[in-house]
Amino acid sequence: MVGCVLATGLVTGCADPTGLLAGAAGTEADSEATGETFSRPELTLSPIDLDVLIGSTEAGIDVSHLADGYVSATATSKSRLKLQVTRGDMQYNYDLPSDGTPISVPLNMGNGSYTFQIMQNTRDNLYVGLGESVDAEVRLADEFQPFLRPNIYCDYDAESLVVEEANKLSEGARNQADVLKAVYDWIVENVSYDNEKAKSVVNGTIADGYLPDPDATMQSKTGICFDYASLAAAMLRSQGIPCKIITGYVSPDSIYHAWNMVYLNGEWISAKVSVKSNTWTRVDFTFAAGGATDYAGDGMTYTDKYTY
């Protein structure tokens, strides 16, 4: 998995490539962006509340923001740690820093009964629970909440470069589709594929614990597919546009890949782009940036696996 932690019990399935952004960027004469008048909302973040931790700062979980689409945790240990999030037969395991640095992760499996547990490595790939597990009923304020905020795979705050740049790009935007087009053009024109980093991918995996950093990608202007997807999500979410990061497989050789799903209140239609109104539409920024098809596949068939 490209920068992903282990997850089990997730249902996968093929999706058609509608909305794939392919080819070079640039203003197109037939491009049309529609939708409600754009007004940038207040930036939404995902802070941890240490005053309501269940457990302690040595191993604590904050479930006070479940309606907002995320759960947070912090822990200290001499061993490697993970935050395990389980709903039914679906499970995600996120790397948790052992130095007490908190993380926030999305409640990406919808409404229902969840169990949260900090896990501590004992040996090899074996983990045991650290502190108490927490059971909670999740009722999201709406389905978009997990995909409007920063998380461990899409980290930013009010001082981030990605937020500053996205704010500039959205100035004068008539609607959300205009914002998406501006972000798309900027990423495709400015970020090149990092073939050297891609060479570290072996059998669909990258160095364990790898996390994309949107600001670092913006500064270096290079990245692999996970970096493209994380950067796009950070920029769009900061402007109030719901955006998922998806990792999974793409044809023709089941290449492990990362892309985005966006949700607009309008449409963006052009010769290369077709983003539907009020529905989740795939946007593959890596493929759109051109080249690197040895690592990005041919963009014809996608199989979703993990959502962040």
C-alpha atoms as a PDB file:
ATOM      1  CA  MET A   1       0.000   0.000   0.000  1.00  0.00           C
ATOM      2  CA  VAL A   2       1.327   3.405  -0.901  1.00  0.00           C
ATOM      3  CA  GLY A   3       1.767   5.034   2.476  1.00  0.00           C
ATOM      4  CA  CYS A   4      -1.206   3.201   3.968  1.00  0.00           C
ATOM      5  CA  VAL A   5      -1.360   1.313   7.211  1.00  0.00           C
ATOM      6  CA  LEU A   6      -2.806  -2.162   7.361  1.00  0.00           C
ATOM      7  CA  ALA A   7      -6.561  -2.521   7.285  1.00  0.00           C
ATOM      8  CA  THR A   8      -8.655  -5.668   7.129  1.00  0.00           C
ATOM      9  CA  GLY A   9     -12.206  -6.653   6.366  1.00  0.00           C
ATOM     10  CA  LEU A  10     -12.837  -3.843   3.863  1.00  0.00           C
ATOM     11  CA  VAL A  11     -15.102  -4.459   0.905  1.00  0.00           C
ATOM     12  CA  THR A  12     -13.547  -3.597  -2.441  1.00  0.00           C
ATOM     13  CA  GLY A  13     -15.153  -3.123  -5.800  1.00  0.00           C
ATOM     14  CA  CYS A  14     -14.506  -1.712  -9.249  1.00  0.00           C
ATOM     15  CA  ALA A  15     -15.776   1.722 -10.139  1.00  0.00           C
ATOM     16  CA  ASP A  16     -16.036   3.223 -13.592  1.00  0.00           C
ATOM     17  CA  PRO A  17     -13.554   5.972 -14.550  1.00  0.00           C
ATOM     18  CA  THR A  18     -16.117   8.783 -14.906  1.00  0.00           C
ATOM     19  CA  GLY A  19     -14.545  12.085 -13.985  1.00  0.00           C
ATOM     20  CA  LEU A  20     -10.935  11.032 -14.582  1.00  0.00           C
ATOM     21  CA  LEU A  21      -8.796  14.089 -15.207  1.00  0.00           C
ATOM     22  CA  ALA A  22      -6.366  13.101 -17.945  1.00  0.00           C
ATOM     23  CA  GLY A  23      -3.876  15.040 -20.039  1.00  0.00           C
ATOM     24  CA  ALA A  24      -2.232  18.396 -19.605  1.00  0.00           C
ATOM     25  CA  ALA A  25      -3.816  21.285 -17.763  1.00  0.00           C
ATOM     26  CA  GLY A  26      -4.731  24.624 -19.235  1.00  0.00           C
ATOM     27  CA  THR A  27      -7.677  26.892 -19.917  1.00  0.00           C
ATOM     28  CA  GLU A  28     -10.008  25.351 -22.474  1.00  0.00           C
ATOM     29  CA  ALA A  29     -12.395  27.290 -24.654  1.00  0.00           C
ATOM     30  CA  ASP A  30     -15.227  24.867 -24.006  1.00  0.00           C
ATOM     31  CA  SER A  31     -14.722  24.667 -20.262  1.00  0.00           C
ATOM     32  CA  GLU A  32     -17.842  25.394 -18.250  1.00  0.00           C
ATOM     33  CA  ALA A  33     -18.078  25.703 -14.478  1.00  0.00           C
ATOM     34  CA  THR A  34     -21.480  26.024 -12.837  1.00  0.00           C
ATOM     35  CA  GLY A  35     -22.976  25.958  -9.378  1.00  0.00           C
ATOM     36  CA  GLU A  36     -24.059  28.055  -6.445  1.00  0.00           C
ATOM     37  CA  THR A  37     -22.157  31.264  -5.738  1.00  0.00           C
ATOM     38  CA  PHE A  38     -18.925  30.435  -3.920  1.00  0.00           C
ATOM     39  CA  SER A  39     -18.304  31.777  -0.435  1.00  0.00           C
ATOM     40  CA  ARG A  40     -15.285  30.426   1.431  1.00  0.00           C
ATOM     41  CA  PRO A  41     -16.449  28.960   4.758  1.00  0.00           C
ATOM     42  CA  GLU A  42     -14.611  29.227   8.032  1.00  0.00           C
ATOM     43  CA  LEU A  43     -11.691  26.797   8.118  1.00  0.00           C
ATOM     44  CA  THR A  44     -12.639  23.586   9.922  1.00  0.00           C
ATOM     45  CA  LEU A  45      -9.899  21.704  11.770  1.00  0.00           C
ATOM     46  CA  SER A  46      -9.692  18.530  13.855  1.00  0.00           C
ATOM     47  CA  PRO A  47      -8.042  19.320  17.213  1.00  0.00           C
ATOM     48  CA  ILE A  48      -7.762  16.905  20.101  1.00  0.00           C
ATOM     49  CA  ASP A  49      -9.373  17.910  23.407  1.00  0.00           C
ATOM     50  CA  LEU A  50      -7.041  16.746  26.177  1.00  0.00           C
ATOM     51  CA  ASP A  51      -9.545  17.734  28.875  1.00  0.00           C
ATOM     52  CA  VAL A  52     -11.941  14.954  27.881  1.00  0.00           C
ATOM     53  CA  LEU A  53      -9.533  12.145  27.079  1.00  0.00           C
ATOM     54  CA  ILE A  54     -10.723   8.667  27.932  1.00  0.00           C
ATOM     55  CA  GLY A  55      -7.636   7.215  29.580  1.00  0.00           C
ATOM     56  CA  SER A  56      -4.644   9.511  30.050  1.00  0.00           C
ATOM     57  CA  THR A  57      -2.020  11.367  28.064  1.00  0.00           C
ATOM     58  CA  GLU A  58      -0.004   8.149  28.190  1.00  0.00           C
ATOM     59  CA  ALA A  59      -2.773   6.380  26.274  1.00  0.00           C
ATOM     60  CA  GLY A  60      -5.902   8.430  25.689  1.00  0.00           C
ATOM     61  CA  ILE A  61      -8.693   8.695  23.138  1.00  0.00           C
ATOM     62  CA  ASP A  62     -10.874  11.750  22.495  1.00  0.00           C
ATOM     63  CA  VAL A  63     -14.373  10.905  21.250  1.00  0.00           C
ATOM     64  CA  SER A  64     -15.871  14.354  21.785  1.00  0.00           C
ATOM     65  CA  HIS A  65     -15.936  15.187  18.064  1.00  0.00           C
ATOM     66  CA  LEU A  66     -17.627  12.130  16.581  1.00  0.00           C
ATOM     67  CA  ALA A  67     -20.403  14.191  14.980  1.00  0.00           C
ATOM     68  CA  ASP A  68     -17.649  16.215  13.296  1.00  0.00           C
ATOM     69  CA  GLY A  69     -16.335  13.116  11.587  1.00  0.00           C
ATOM     70  CA  TYR A  70     -13.134  12.305  13.459  1.00  0.00           C
ATOM     71  CA  VAL A  71     -11.594  10.692  16.523  1.00  0.00           C
ATOM     72  CA  SER A  72      -8.260  11.669  18.104  1.00  0.00           C
ATOM     73  CA  ALA A  73      -5.684   9.864  20.217  1.00  0.00           C
ATOM     74  CA  THR A  74      -2.370  10.434  21.957  1.00  0.00           C
ATOM     75  CA  ALA A  75       0.043   8.040  23.655  1.00  0.00           C
ATOM     76  CA  THR A  76       3.618   7.602  24.822  1.00  0.00           C
ATOM     77  CA  SER A  77       5.545   4.365  24.690  1.00  0.00           C
ATOM     78  CA  LYS A  78       8.934   2.877  23.917  1.00  0.00           C
ATOM     79  CA  SER A  79       7.195   0.590  21.439  1.00  0.00           C
ATOM     80  CA  ARG A  80       5.516   1.245  18.143  1.00  0.00           C
ATOM     81  CA  LEU A  81       1.848   2.206  18.420  1.00  0.00           C
ATOM     82  CA  LYS A  82      -1.284   2.160  16.305  1.00  0.00           C
ATOM     83  CA  LEU A  83      -4.786   3.541  16.703  1.00  0.00           C
ATOM     84  CA  GLN A  84      -7.246   0.837  15.719  1.00  0.00           C
ATOM     85  CA  VAL A  85     -10.690   1.913  14.476  1.00  0.00           C
ATOM     86  CA  THR A  86     -13.271  -0.832  14.030  1.00  0.00           C
ATOM     87  CA  ARG A  87     -16.866  -0.867  12.837  1.00  0.00           C
ATOM     88  CA  GLY A  88     -18.429  -4.271  12.317  1.00  0.00           C
ATOM     89  CA  ASP A  89     -16.126  -6.339  10.114  1.00  0.00           C
ATOM     90  CA  MET A  90     -14.272  -3.251   8.833  1.00  0.00           C
ATOM     91  CA  GLN A  91     -11.049  -2.072  10.472  1.00  0.00           C
ATOM     92  CA  TYR A  92      -8.378   0.575   9.975  1.00  0.00           C
ATOM     93  CA  ASN A  93      -5.047   0.672  11.841  1.00  0.00           C
ATOM     94  CA  TYR A  94      -3.295   4.047  11.878  1.00  0.00           C
ATOM     95  CA  ASP A  95       0.292   4.638  12.953  1.00  0.00           C
ATOM     96  CA  LEU A  96       0.262   6.615  16.217  1.00  0.00           C
ATOM     97  CA  PRO A  97       3.428   8.494  17.232  1.00  0.00           C
ATOM     98  CA  SER A  98       4.909   7.080  20.427  1.00  0.00           C
ATOM     99  CA  ASP A  99       6.155  10.485  21.618  1.00  0.00           C
ATOM    100  CA  GLY A 100       2.739  11.818  22.601  1.00  0.00           C
ATOM    101  CA  THR A 101       2.065  13.692  19.370  1.00  0.00           C
ATOM    102  CA  PRO A 102      -1.715  13.463  18.853  1.00  0.00           C
ATOM    103  CA  ILE A 103      -3.357  12.349  15.630  1.00  0.00           C
ATOM    104  CA  SER A 104      -6.854  12.695  14.246  1.00  0.00           C
ATOM    105  CA  VAL A 105      -8.331  10.107  11.900  1.00  0.00           C
ATOM    106  CA  PRO A 106     -11.555  10.139   9.873  1.00  0.00           C
ATOM    107  CA  LEU A 107     -14.709   8.260  10.771  1.00  0.00           C
ATOM    108  CA  ASN A 108     -14.836   7.066   7.201  1.00  0.00           C
ATOM    109  CA  MET A 109     -17.121   4.068   7.693  1.00  0.00           C
ATOM    110  CA  GLY A 110     -20.288   6.081   8.224  1.00  0.00           C
ATOM    111  CA  ASN A 111     -22.739   5.980  11.114  1.00  0.00           C
ATOM    112  CA  GLY A 112     -22.822   3.052  13.510  1.00  0.00           C
ATOM    113  CA  SER A 113     -21.148   1.392  16.466  1.00  0.00           C
ATOM    114  CA  TYR A 114     -17.367   1.880  16.569  1.00  0.00           C
ATOM    115  CA  THR A 115     -14.611   0.558  18.805  1.00  0.00           C
ATOM    116  CA  PHE A 116     -11.382   2.529  19.290  1.00  0.00           C
ATOM    117  CA  GLN A 117      -8.249   0.983  20.760  1.00  0.00           C
ATOM    118  CA  ILE A 118      -4.621   2.068  21.064  1.00  0.00           C
ATOM    119  CA  MET A 119      -2.421  -0.901  20.175  1.00  0.00           C
ATOM    120  CA  GLN A 120       1.191  -1.465  21.284  1.00  0.00           C
ATOM    121  CA  ASN A 121       3.683  -3.549  19.358  1.00  0.00           C
ATOM    122  CA  THR A 122       5.126  -6.497  21.273  1.00  0.00           C
ATOM    123  CA  ARG A 123       7.194  -8.208  18.600  1.00  0.00           C
ATOM    124  CA  ASP A 124       7.218  -8.592  14.834  1.00  0.00           C
ATOM    125  CA  ASN A 125       3.698  -7.683  13.674  1.00  0.00           C
ATOM    126  CA  LEU A 126       1.999  -8.564  16.948  1.00  0.00           C
ATOM    127  CA  TYR A 127       0.110  -5.861  18.884  1.00  0.00           C
ATOM    128  CA  VAL A 128      -1.781  -5.808  22.179  1.00  0.00           C
ATOM    129  CA  GLY A 129      -4.172  -3.239  23.590  1.00  0.00           C
ATOM    130  CA  LEU A 130      -2.678  -0.310  25.508  1.00  0.00           C
ATOM    131  CA  GLY A 131      -5.165   1.247  27.906  1.00  0.00           C
ATOM    132  CA  GLU A 132      -8.879   0.680  27.639  1.00  0.00           C
ATOM    133  CA  SER A 133     -10.837   0.244  24.419  1.00  0.00           C
ATOM    134  CA  VAL A 134     -13.637   2.731  23.815  1.00  0.00           C
ATOM    135  CA  ASP A 135     -17.015   1.853  22.330  1.00  0.00           C
ATOM    136  CA  ALA A 136     -19.038   4.688  20.857  1.00  0.00           C
ATOM    137  CA  GLU A 137     -22.045   5.270  18.650  1.00  0.00           C
ATOM    138  CA  VAL A 138     -21.236   7.562  15.726  1.00  0.00           C
ATOM    139  CA  ARG A 139     -23.888   9.861  14.297  1.00  0.00           C
ATOM    140  CA  LEU A 140     -22.267  12.242  11.833  1.00  0.00           C
ATOM    141  CA  ALA A 141     -23.677  15.739  11.458  1.00  0.00           C
ATOM    142  CA  ASP A 142     -23.643  14.882   7.743  1.00  0.00           C
ATOM    143  CA  GLU A 143     -21.808  12.466   5.454  1.00  0.00           C
ATOM    144  CA  PHE A 144     -19.231  15.097   4.433  1.00  0.00           C
ATOM    145  CA  GLN A 145     -17.766  15.837   7.860  1.00  0.00           C
ATOM    146  CA  PRO A 146     -14.872  13.313   7.688  1.00  0.00           C
ATOM    147  CA  PHE A 147     -13.820  14.763   4.319  1.00  0.00           C
ATOM    148  CA  LEU A 148     -13.852  18.469   5.148  1.00  0.00           C
ATOM    149  CA  ARG A 149     -11.093  18.411   7.773  1.00  0.00           C
ATOM    150  CA  PRO A 150      -7.405  17.585   8.117  1.00  0.00           C
ATOM    151  CA  ASN A 151      -6.365  14.135   9.284  1.00  0.00           C
ATOM    152  CA  ILE A 152      -3.213  12.053   9.566  1.00  0.00           C
ATOM    153  CA  TYR A 153      -3.031  11.618   5.760  1.00  0.00           C
ATOM    154  CA  CYS A 154      -4.054  15.167   4.925  1.00  0.00           C
ATOM    155  CA  ASP A 155      -2.501  17.405   7.571  1.00  0.00           C
ATOM    156  CA  TYR A 156      -2.827  21.199   7.543  1.00  0.00           C
ATOM    157  CA  ASP A 157      -3.847  24.127   9.730  1.00  0.00           C
ATOM    158  CA  ALA A 158      -4.572  27.844   9.404  1.00  0.00           C
ATOM    159  CA  GLU A 159      -0.852  28.622   8.931  1.00  0.00           C
ATOM    160  CA  SER A 160      -0.209  25.992   6.260  1.00  0.00           C
ATOM    161  CA  LEU A 161       1.143  26.933   2.850  1.00  0.00           C
ATOM    162  CA  VAL A 162      -1.543  24.829   1.173  1.00  0.00           C
ATOM    163  CA  VAL A 163      -4.284  26.842   2.847  1.00  0.00           C
ATOM    164  CA  GLU A 164      -2.645  30.125   1.881  1.00  0.00           C
ATOM    165  CA  GLU A 165      -2.293  29.038  -1.756  1.00  0.00           C
ATOM    166  CA  ALA A 166      -5.807  27.611  -1.923  1.00  0.00           C
ATOM    167  CA  ASN A 167      -7.191  30.872  -0.551  1.00  0.00           C
ATOM    168  CA  LYS A 168      -5.404  32.764  -3.336  1.00  0.00           C
ATOM    169  CA  LEU A 169      -6.652  30.357  -5.984  1.00  0.00           C
ATOM    170  CA  SER A 170     -10.251  30.701  -4.826  1.00  0.00           C
ATOM    171  CA  GLU A 171     -10.237  34.493  -4.939  1.00  0.00           C
ATOM    172  CA  GLY A 172     -12.744  35.585  -7.542  1.00  0.00           C
ATOM    173  CA  ALA A 173     -14.166  32.083  -7.947  1.00  0.00           C
ATOM    174  CA  ARG A 174     -17.792  32.150  -9.027  1.00  0.00           C
ATOM    175  CA  ASN A 175     -18.591  28.691  -7.652  1.00  0.00           C
ATOM    176  CA  GLN A 176     -17.025  25.514  -6.255  1.00  0.00           C
ATOM    177  CA  ALA A 177     -16.338  24.235  -9.764  1.00  0.00           C
ATOM    178  CA  ASP A 178     -14.161  27.300 -10.389  1.00  0.00           C
ATOM    179  CA  VAL A 179     -12.211  26.478  -7.220  1.00  0.00           C
ATOM    180  CA  LEU A 180     -11.693  22.874  -8.295  1.00  0.00           C
ATOM    181  CA  LYS A 181     -10.513  23.981 -11.735  1.00  0.00           C
ATOM    182  CA  ALA A 182      -8.042  26.462 -10.203  1.00  0.00           C
ATOM    183  CA  VAL A 183      -6.642  23.820  -7.822  1.00  0.00           C
ATOM    184  CA  TYR A 184      -6.471  21.272 -10.627  1.00  0.00           C
ATOM    185  CA  ASP A 185      -4.595  23.678 -12.927  1.00  0.00           C
ATOM    186  CA  TRP A 186      -2.150  24.662 -10.177  1.00  0.00           C
ATOM    187  CA  ILE A 187      -1.278  21.082  -9.205  1.00  0.00           C
ATOM    188  CA  VAL A 188      -0.971  19.815 -12.767  1.00  0.00           C
ATOM    189  CA  GLU A 189       1.156  22.775 -13.841  1.00  0.00           C
ATOM    190  CA  ASN A 190       3.397  22.918 -10.764  1.00  0.00           C
ATOM    191  CA  VAL A 191       3.877  19.412  -9.299  1.00  0.00           C
ATOM    192  CA  SER A 192       5.931  16.811 -11.137  1.00  0.00           C
ATOM    193  CA  TYR A 193       6.034  13.091 -10.491  1.00  0.00           C
ATOM    194  CA  ASP A 194       8.883  11.894  -8.243  1.00  0.00           C
ATOM    195  CA  ASN A 195      10.226   8.842 -10.037  1.00  0.00           C
ATOM    196  CA  GLU A 196      12.978   8.305  -7.469  1.00  0.00           C
ATOM    197  CA  LYS A 197      10.482   8.062  -4.641  1.00  0.00           C
ATOM    198  CA  ALA A 198       8.308   5.821  -6.773  1.00  0.00           C
ATOM    199  CA  LYS A 199      11.224   3.418  -7.155  1.00  0.00           C
ATOM    200  CA  SER A 200      10.988   2.712  -3.429  1.00  0.00           C
ATOM    201  CA  VAL A 201       7.639   1.071  -4.115  1.00  0.00           C
ATOM    202  CA  VAL A 202       8.051  -2.703  -4.038  1.00  0.00           C
ATOM    203  CA  ASN A 203       5.115  -5.063  -4.514  1.00  0.00           C
ATOM    204  CA  GLY A 204       2.657  -2.247  -3.898  1.00  0.00           C
ATOM    205  CA  THR A 205       4.197  -1.022  -0.641  1.00  0.00           C
ATOM    206  CA  ILE A 206       6.264   1.968   0.390  1.00  0.00           C
ATOM    207  CA  ALA A 207       8.396   2.474   3.500  1.00  0.00           C
ATOM    208  CA  ASP A 208       6.249   1.529   6.487  1.00  0.00           C
ATOM    209  CA  GLY A 209       4.856   4.559   8.287  1.00  0.00           C
ATOM    210  CA  TYR A 210       5.142   6.895   5.282  1.00  0.00           C
ATOM    211  CA  LEU A 211       2.839   9.895   5.550  1.00  0.00           C
ATOM    212  CA  PRO A 212       2.209  12.470   2.820  1.00  0.00           C
ATOM    213  CA  ASP A 213       2.873  16.096   3.789  1.00  0.00           C
ATOM    214  CA  PRO A 214       0.881  18.607   1.689  1.00  0.00           C
ATOM    215  CA  ASP A 215       3.123  21.564   2.572  1.00  0.00           C
ATOM    216  CA  ALA A 216       6.285  19.577   1.789  1.00  0.00           C
ATOM    217  CA  THR A 217       4.821  18.540  -1.570  1.00  0.00           C
ATOM    218  CA  MET A 218       3.933  22.143  -2.334  1.00  0.00           C
ATOM    219  CA  GLN A 219       7.465  23.285  -1.481  1.00  0.00           C
ATOM    220  CA  SER A 220       9.316  20.541  -3.355  1.00  0.00           C
ATOM    221  CA  LYS A 221       6.764  20.511  -6.194  1.00  0.00           C
ATOM    222  CA  THR A 222       7.325  16.774  -6.558  1.00  0.00           C
ATOM    223  CA  GLY A 223       5.534  13.721  -5.251  1.00  0.00           C
ATOM    224  CA  ILE A 224       4.056  10.298  -5.857  1.00  0.00           C
ATOM    225  CA  CYS A 225       0.362   9.555  -6.227  1.00  0.00           C
ATOM    226  CA  PHE A 226      -0.314   9.653  -2.474  1.00  0.00           C
ATOM    227  CA  ASP A 227       1.315  13.096  -2.288  1.00  0.00           C
ATOM    228  CA  TYR A 228      -0.823  14.388  -5.173  1.00  0.00           C
ATOM    229  CA  ALA A 229      -4.000  13.075  -3.549  1.00  0.00           C
ATOM    230  CA  SER A 230      -3.113  14.482  -0.126  1.00  0.00           C
ATOM    231  CA  LEU A 231      -2.224  17.910  -1.544  1.00  0.00           C
ATOM    232  CA  ALA A 232      -5.431  18.113  -3.566  1.00  0.00           C
ATOM    233  CA  ALA A 233      -7.536  17.076  -0.567  1.00  0.00           C
ATOM    234  CA  ALA A 234      -5.897  19.648   1.697  1.00  0.00           C
ATOM    235  CA  MET A 235      -6.444  22.486  -0.774  1.00  0.00           C
ATOM    236  CA  LEU A 236     -10.044  21.567  -1.559  1.00  0.00           C
ATOM    237  CA  ARG A 237     -11.092  20.792   2.013  1.00  0.00           C
ATOM    238  CA  SER A 238      -9.682  24.115   3.173  1.00  0.00           C
ATOM    239  CA  GLN A 239     -12.159  25.764   0.788  1.00  0.00           C
ATOM    240  CA  GLY A 240     -15.117  23.771   2.085  1.00  0.00           C
ATOM    241  CA  ILE A 241     -15.202  21.276  -0.795  1.00  0.00           C
ATOM    242  CA  PRO A 242     -15.649  17.649   0.368  1.00  0.00           C
ATOM    243  CA  CYS A 243     -12.757  15.546  -0.899  1.00  0.00           C
ATOM    244  CA  LYS A 244     -11.868  11.921  -0.195  1.00  0.00           C
ATOM    245  CA  ILE A 245      -8.429  10.357  -0.519  1.00  0.00           C
ATOM    246  CA  ILE A 246      -8.820   6.882  -2.001  1.00  0.00           C
ATOM    247  CA  THR A 247      -6.127   4.233  -2.274  1.00  0.00           C
ATOM    248  CA  GLY A 248      -6.544   1.036  -4.219  1.00  0.00           C
ATOM    249  CA  TYR A 249      -5.686  -0.604  -7.506  1.00  0.00           C
ATOM    250  CA  VAL A 250      -5.757   0.600 -11.095  1.00  0.00           C
ATOM    251  CA  SER A 251      -5.515  -1.283 -14.376  1.00  0.00           C
ATOM    252  CA  PRO A 252      -3.880  -2.762 -16.303  1.00  0.00           C
ATOM    253  CA  ASP A 253      -1.579  -4.459 -13.786  1.00  0.00           C
ATOM    254  CA  SER A 254      -3.368  -3.830 -10.460  1.00  0.00           C
ATOM    255  CA  ILE A 255      -0.898  -1.045  -9.661  1.00  0.00           C
ATOM    256  CA  TYR A 256      -1.387   0.323  -6.147  1.00  0.00           C
ATOM    257  CA  HIS A 257      -2.414   3.935  -6.551  1.00  0.00           C
ATOM    258  CA  ALA A 258      -4.035   6.946  -4.850  1.00  0.00           C
ATOM    259  CA  TRP A 259      -6.642   9.362  -6.196  1.00  0.00           C
ATOM    260  CA  ASN A 260      -9.457  11.645  -5.023  1.00  0.00           C
ATOM    261  CA  MET A 261     -13.230  11.764  -5.010  1.00  0.00           C
ATOM    262  CA  VAL A 262     -14.782  15.248  -4.938  1.00  0.00           C
ATOM    263  CA  TYR A 263     -18.305  16.483  -4.301  1.00  0.00           C
ATOM    264  CA  LEU A 264     -19.431  19.780  -5.846  1.00  0.00           C
ATOM    265  CA  ASN A 265     -22.664  21.728  -5.648  1.00  0.00           C
ATOM    266  CA  GLY A 266     -22.175  22.421  -9.349  1.00  0.00           C
ATOM    267  CA  GLU A 267     -20.487  20.961 -12.418  1.00  0.00           C
ATOM    268  CA  TRP A 268     -17.213  21.372 -14.282  1.00  0.00           C
ATOM    269  CA  ILE A 269     -17.452  20.186 -17.872  1.00  0.00           C
ATOM    270  CA  SER A 270     -14.656  20.490 -20.435  1.00  0.00           C
ATOM    271  CA  ALA A 271     -12.963  18.451 -23.131  1.00  0.00           C
ATOM    272  CA  LYS A 272     -10.934  16.607 -20.484  1.00  0.00           C
ATOM    273  CA  VAL A 273     -13.027  16.919 -17.336  1.00  0.00           C
ATOM    274  CA  SER A 274     -16.547  15.926 -16.370  1.00  0.00           C
ATOM    275  CA  VAL A 275     -17.336  16.471 -12.704  1.00  0.00           C
ATOM    276  CA  LYS A 276     -20.988  15.873 -11.896  1.00  0.00           C
ATOM    277  CA  SER A 277     -23.186  17.981  -9.645  1.00  0.00           C
ATOM    278  CA  ASN A 278     -24.033  16.750  -6.136  1.00  0.00           C
ATOM    279  CA  THR A 279     -22.353  13.370  -6.494  1.00  0.00           C
ATOM    280  CA  TRP A 280     -18.930  11.929  -5.704  1.00  0.00           C
ATOM    281  CA  THR A 281     -16.728  12.077  -8.816  1.00  0.00           C
ATOM    282  CA  ARG A 282     -13.250  10.635  -9.274  1.00  0.00           C
ATOM    283  CA  VAL A 283     -10.333  13.011  -9.877  1.00  0.00           C
ATOM    284  CA  ASP A 284      -6.926  11.461 -10.581  1.00  0.00           C
ATOM    285  CA  PHE A 285      -4.403  14.283 -10.224  1.00  0.00           C
ATOM    286  CA  THR A 286      -1.398  12.016 -10.794  1.00  0.00           C
ATOM    287  CA  PHE A 287      -2.751  10.808 -14.109  1.00  0.00           C
ATOM    288  CA  ALA A 288      -3.793  14.350 -15.026  1.00  0.00           C
ATOM    289  CA  ALA A 289      -0.265  15.621 -14.390  1.00  0.00           C
ATOM    290  CA  GLY A 290       0.869  13.457 -17.288  1.00  0.00           C
ATOM    291  CA  GLY A 291       3.204  10.507 -17.442  1.00  0.00           C
ATOM    292  CA  ALA A 292       4.436   8.215 -14.678  1.00  0.00           C
ATOM    293  CA  THR A 293       2.059   5.591 -16.049  1.00  0.00           C
ATOM    294  CA  ASP A 294       4.419   2.858 -14.844  1.00  0.00           C
ATOM    295  CA  TYR A 295       3.219   3.834 -11.377  1.00  0.00           C
ATOM    296  CA  ALA A 296      -0.203   5.370 -12.081  1.00  0.00           C
ATOM    297  CA  GLY A 297      -1.642   2.755 -14.438  1.00  0.00           C
ATOM    298  CA  ASP A 298      -3.796   3.533 -17.475  1.00  0.00           C
ATOM    299  CA  GLY A 299      -6.738   5.093 -15.639  1.00  0.00           C
ATOM    300  CA  MET A 300      -9.289   2.746 -17.200  1.00  0.00           C
ATOM    301  CA  THR A 301     -10.450   0.636 -14.241  1.00  0.00           C
ATOM    302  CA  TYR A 302     -10.213   1.479 -10.531  1.00  0.00           C
ATOM    303  CA  THR A 303     -10.730  -0.734  -7.490  1.00  0.00           C
ATOM    304  CA  ASP A 304     -11.260   1.257  -4.271  1.00  0.00           C
ATOM    305  CA  LYS A 305      -9.700  -0.197  -1.138  1.00  0.00           C
ATOM    306  CA  TYR A 306      -9.155   2.412   1.589  1.00  0.00           C
ATOM    307  CA  THR A 307     -10.756   5.816   2.133  1.00  0.00           C
ATOM    308  CA  TYR A 308      -9.274   8.689   4.153  1.00  0.00           C
END
